[in-house]
Amino acid sequence: EKNVIFDVIRRRYVALTPEEWVRQHFVHFLIVHKGIRTSLMANEVLLNLNGTKKRCDTVLYKRDLSARMIVEYKAPHIEITQTVFDQITRYNMVLKVDYLVVSNGMQHYCCGWIMILKVIRFCRIFRIMTLYKINNVNDSFRHLLSSFQEVNIVNARS
């Protein structure tokens, strides 16, 4: 038998793969500990990137329904490398969000973005210190980012 888990965002059961385990835990963290409404999140968002169909793992939206954050998940045994950041950066060429998050369930990184004259710049890369040591629940992204710790600054050109 195939193991499944209920996805509260897609409102259906999905195969419980290692990557899906990471997604469901991270989404649970966003809903329960950060107060993000499920109506402002979507899983497996289809994108058209240069004529190729791609899927963002999770997209968080502002109240005006413009995209605000992309989250890319990897299985716990997959190392987070430059290749993963390249992947999520390509997705951001379409959505142009303010924040990118990459997680394998063990390591979690958030990048803030600045778009100036068509130059994409990582303004900060953060690592989540702990997903569950949260003092207050607030749906603002400022409070979401308060659980991140800055680890370095990187510049990148598109």
Protein backbone atom coordinates (compact mmCIF):
# COMPACT_ATOMS: atom_id res chain seq x y z
CA GLU A 1 0.00 0.00 0.00
CA LYS A 2 1.04 3.54 -0.73
CA ASN A 3 1.32 5.95 2.22
CA VAL A 4 -0.64 9.17 1.83
CA ILE A 5 -1.08 12.42 3.77
CA PHE A 6 -3.85 15.00 3.65
CA ASP A 7 -2.72 18.31 2.14
CA VAL A 8 -4.78 21.08 3.75
CA ILE A 9 -3.88 23.50 0.95
CA ARG A 10 -4.84 21.23 -1.97
CA ARG A 11 -7.65 19.68 0.13
CA ARG A 12 -6.86 16.14 -0.94
CA TYR A 13 -4.68 13.18 -0.07
CA VAL A 14 -1.27 13.05 -1.75
CA ALA A 15 1.54 10.48 -1.82
CA LEU A 16 3.74 10.75 1.26
CA THR A 17 7.20 11.09 -0.30
CA PRO A 18 10.19 12.46 1.66
CA GLU A 19 9.77 15.83 -0.11
CA GLU A 20 6.04 15.86 0.69
CA TRP A 21 6.86 15.20 4.35
CA VAL A 22 9.00 18.36 4.34
CA ARG A 23 6.25 20.36 2.57
CA GLN A 24 3.54 19.33 5.01
CA HIS A 25 5.65 20.13 8.06
CA PHE A 26 6.68 23.51 6.67
CA VAL A 27 3.09 24.40 5.68
CA HIS A 28 1.94 23.31 9.15
CA PHE A 29 4.57 25.64 10.67
CA LEU A 30 3.33 28.55 8.53
CA ILE A 31 -0.32 27.95 9.45
CA VAL A 32 -0.06 27.05 13.14
CA HIS A 33 2.97 29.00 14.32
CA LYS A 34 2.96 31.97 11.96
CA GLY A 35 -0.75 32.42 11.42
CA ILE A 36 -0.57 32.39 7.61
CA ARG A 37 -4.05 31.75 6.23
CA THR A 38 -4.47 28.73 3.97
CA SER A 39 -6.39 30.97 1.57
CA LEU A 40 -3.13 32.87 0.95
CA MET A 41 -1.09 29.76 0.09
CA ALA A 42 -0.99 27.38 -2.87
CA ASN A 43 0.96 24.15 -3.42
CA GLU A 44 2.26 22.91 -6.78
CA VAL A 45 1.74 26.24 -8.58
CA LEU A 46 2.10 25.84 -12.35
CA LEU A 47 4.39 28.34 -14.13
CA ASN A 48 5.25 28.89 -17.76
CA LEU A 49 8.98 29.59 -17.93
CA ASN A 50 10.23 30.27 -21.46
CA GLY A 51 7.64 27.89 -22.91
CA THR A 52 8.35 25.16 -20.37
CA LYS A 53 5.89 24.20 -17.65
CA LYS A 54 7.38 24.27 -14.14
CA ARG A 55 5.85 23.87 -10.69
CA CYS A 56 6.63 25.92 -7.59
CA ASP A 57 6.29 23.81 -4.47
CA THR A 58 4.49 26.48 -2.42
CA VAL A 59 3.62 30.12 -3.12
CA LEU A 60 2.44 32.54 -0.43
CA TYR A 61 0.33 35.50 -1.50
CA LYS A 62 -0.37 39.00 -0.21
CA ARG A 63 -3.94 39.96 0.58
CA ASP A 64 -4.22 41.50 -2.92
CA LEU A 65 -3.34 37.99 -4.22
CA SER A 66 -0.01 39.03 -5.73
CA ALA A 67 2.76 36.50 -5.05
CA ARG A 68 4.95 37.34 -2.06
CA MET A 69 7.08 34.25 -1.33
CA ILE A 70 8.14 31.04 -3.10
CA VAL A 71 9.09 27.98 -1.04
CA GLU A 72 11.05 25.12 -2.61
CA TYR A 73 11.30 21.80 -0.78
CA LYS A 74 13.81 18.99 -1.04
CA ALA A 75 13.83 15.63 0.70
CA PRO A 76 15.76 15.56 4.00
CA HIS A 77 18.64 13.60 2.45
CA ILE A 78 19.08 16.16 -0.37
CA GLU A 79 21.71 18.80 0.32
CA ILE A 80 20.74 22.40 -0.34
CA THR A 81 23.19 23.61 -2.98
CA GLN A 82 23.57 26.41 -5.50
CA THR A 83 21.58 24.28 -7.95
CA VAL A 84 18.54 24.51 -5.67
CA PHE A 85 18.89 28.29 -5.45
CA ASP A 86 19.25 28.45 -9.25
CA GLN A 87 16.00 26.50 -9.59
CA ILE A 88 13.99 28.79 -7.31
CA THR A 89 15.59 31.85 -8.93
CA ARG A 90 14.25 30.72 -12.31
CA TYR A 91 10.77 30.48 -10.80
CA ASN A 92 11.18 33.99 -9.47
CA MET A 93 11.87 35.29 -13.00
CA VAL A 94 8.14 34.69 -13.55
CA LEU A 95 6.59 35.53 -10.15
CA LYS A 96 8.98 38.32 -9.00
CA VAL A 97 8.38 37.74 -5.29
CA ASP A 98 10.07 39.47 -2.36
CA TYR A 99 11.24 36.31 -0.59
CA LEU A 100 12.51 32.86 -1.54
CA VAL A 101 12.67 29.99 0.95
CA VAL A 102 14.44 26.66 0.45
CA SER A 103 14.08 23.79 2.93
CA ASN A 104 14.98 20.13 3.17
CA GLY A 105 13.30 19.84 6.58
CA MET A 106 16.66 20.00 8.34
CA GLN A 107 18.08 23.22 6.89
CA HIS A 108 15.93 26.20 5.93
CA TYR A 109 17.08 29.31 4.07
CA CYS A 110 15.29 32.53 3.19
CA CYS A 111 16.50 35.09 0.65
CA GLY A 112 15.19 38.63 0.50
CA TRP A 113 15.21 40.13 -3.01
CA ILE A 114 15.77 43.59 -4.43
CA MET A 115 14.95 44.22 -8.10
CA ILE A 116 16.90 47.21 -9.44
CA LEU A 117 17.38 47.89 -13.15
CA LYS A 118 16.75 44.22 -14.00
CA VAL A 119 19.56 43.13 -11.68
CA ILE A 120 18.38 40.58 -9.14
CA ARG A 121 20.32 40.81 -5.92
CA PHE A 122 20.25 38.53 -2.94
CA CYS A 123 20.02 41.17 -0.28
CA ARG A 124 20.19 38.69 2.58
CA ILE A 125 20.24 34.97 3.14
CA PHE A 126 18.79 33.74 6.39
CA ARG A 127 18.75 30.38 8.11
CA ILE A 128 15.79 29.44 10.28
CA MET A 129 17.06 28.93 13.79
CA THR A 130 14.09 26.87 14.94
CA LEU A 131 10.68 26.27 13.41
CA TYR A 132 8.87 25.84 16.69
CA LYS A 133 10.34 28.36 19.13
CA ILE A 134 7.88 31.12 18.27
CA ASN A 135 6.56 33.62 20.81
CA ASN A 136 3.68 35.25 18.94
CA VAL A 137 1.51 34.32 16.00
CA ASN A 138 1.15 37.00 13.33
CA ASP A 139 0.38 36.69 9.63
CA SER A 140 2.83 39.39 8.56
CA PHE A 141 5.95 38.38 6.69
CA ARG A 142 8.02 40.60 8.96
CA HIS A 143 7.17 38.30 11.86
CA LEU A 144 7.73 35.23 9.72
CA LEU A 145 11.24 36.45 9.01
CA SER A 146 11.86 37.15 12.70
CA SER A 147 12.51 33.42 13.14
CA PHE A 148 15.39 33.57 10.68
CA GLN A 149 19.01 34.38 11.48
CA GLU A 150 21.18 36.20 8.97
CA VAL A 151 24.16 34.11 7.88
CA ASN A 152 25.71 36.07 5.02
CA ILE A 153 25.15 38.46 2.12
CA VAL A 154 25.48 37.34 -1.49
CA ASN A 155 25.08 39.23 -4.78
CA ALA A 156 23.89 37.58 -7.99
CA ARG A 157 23.13 38.86 -11.49
CA SER A 158 20.31 37.51 -13.59
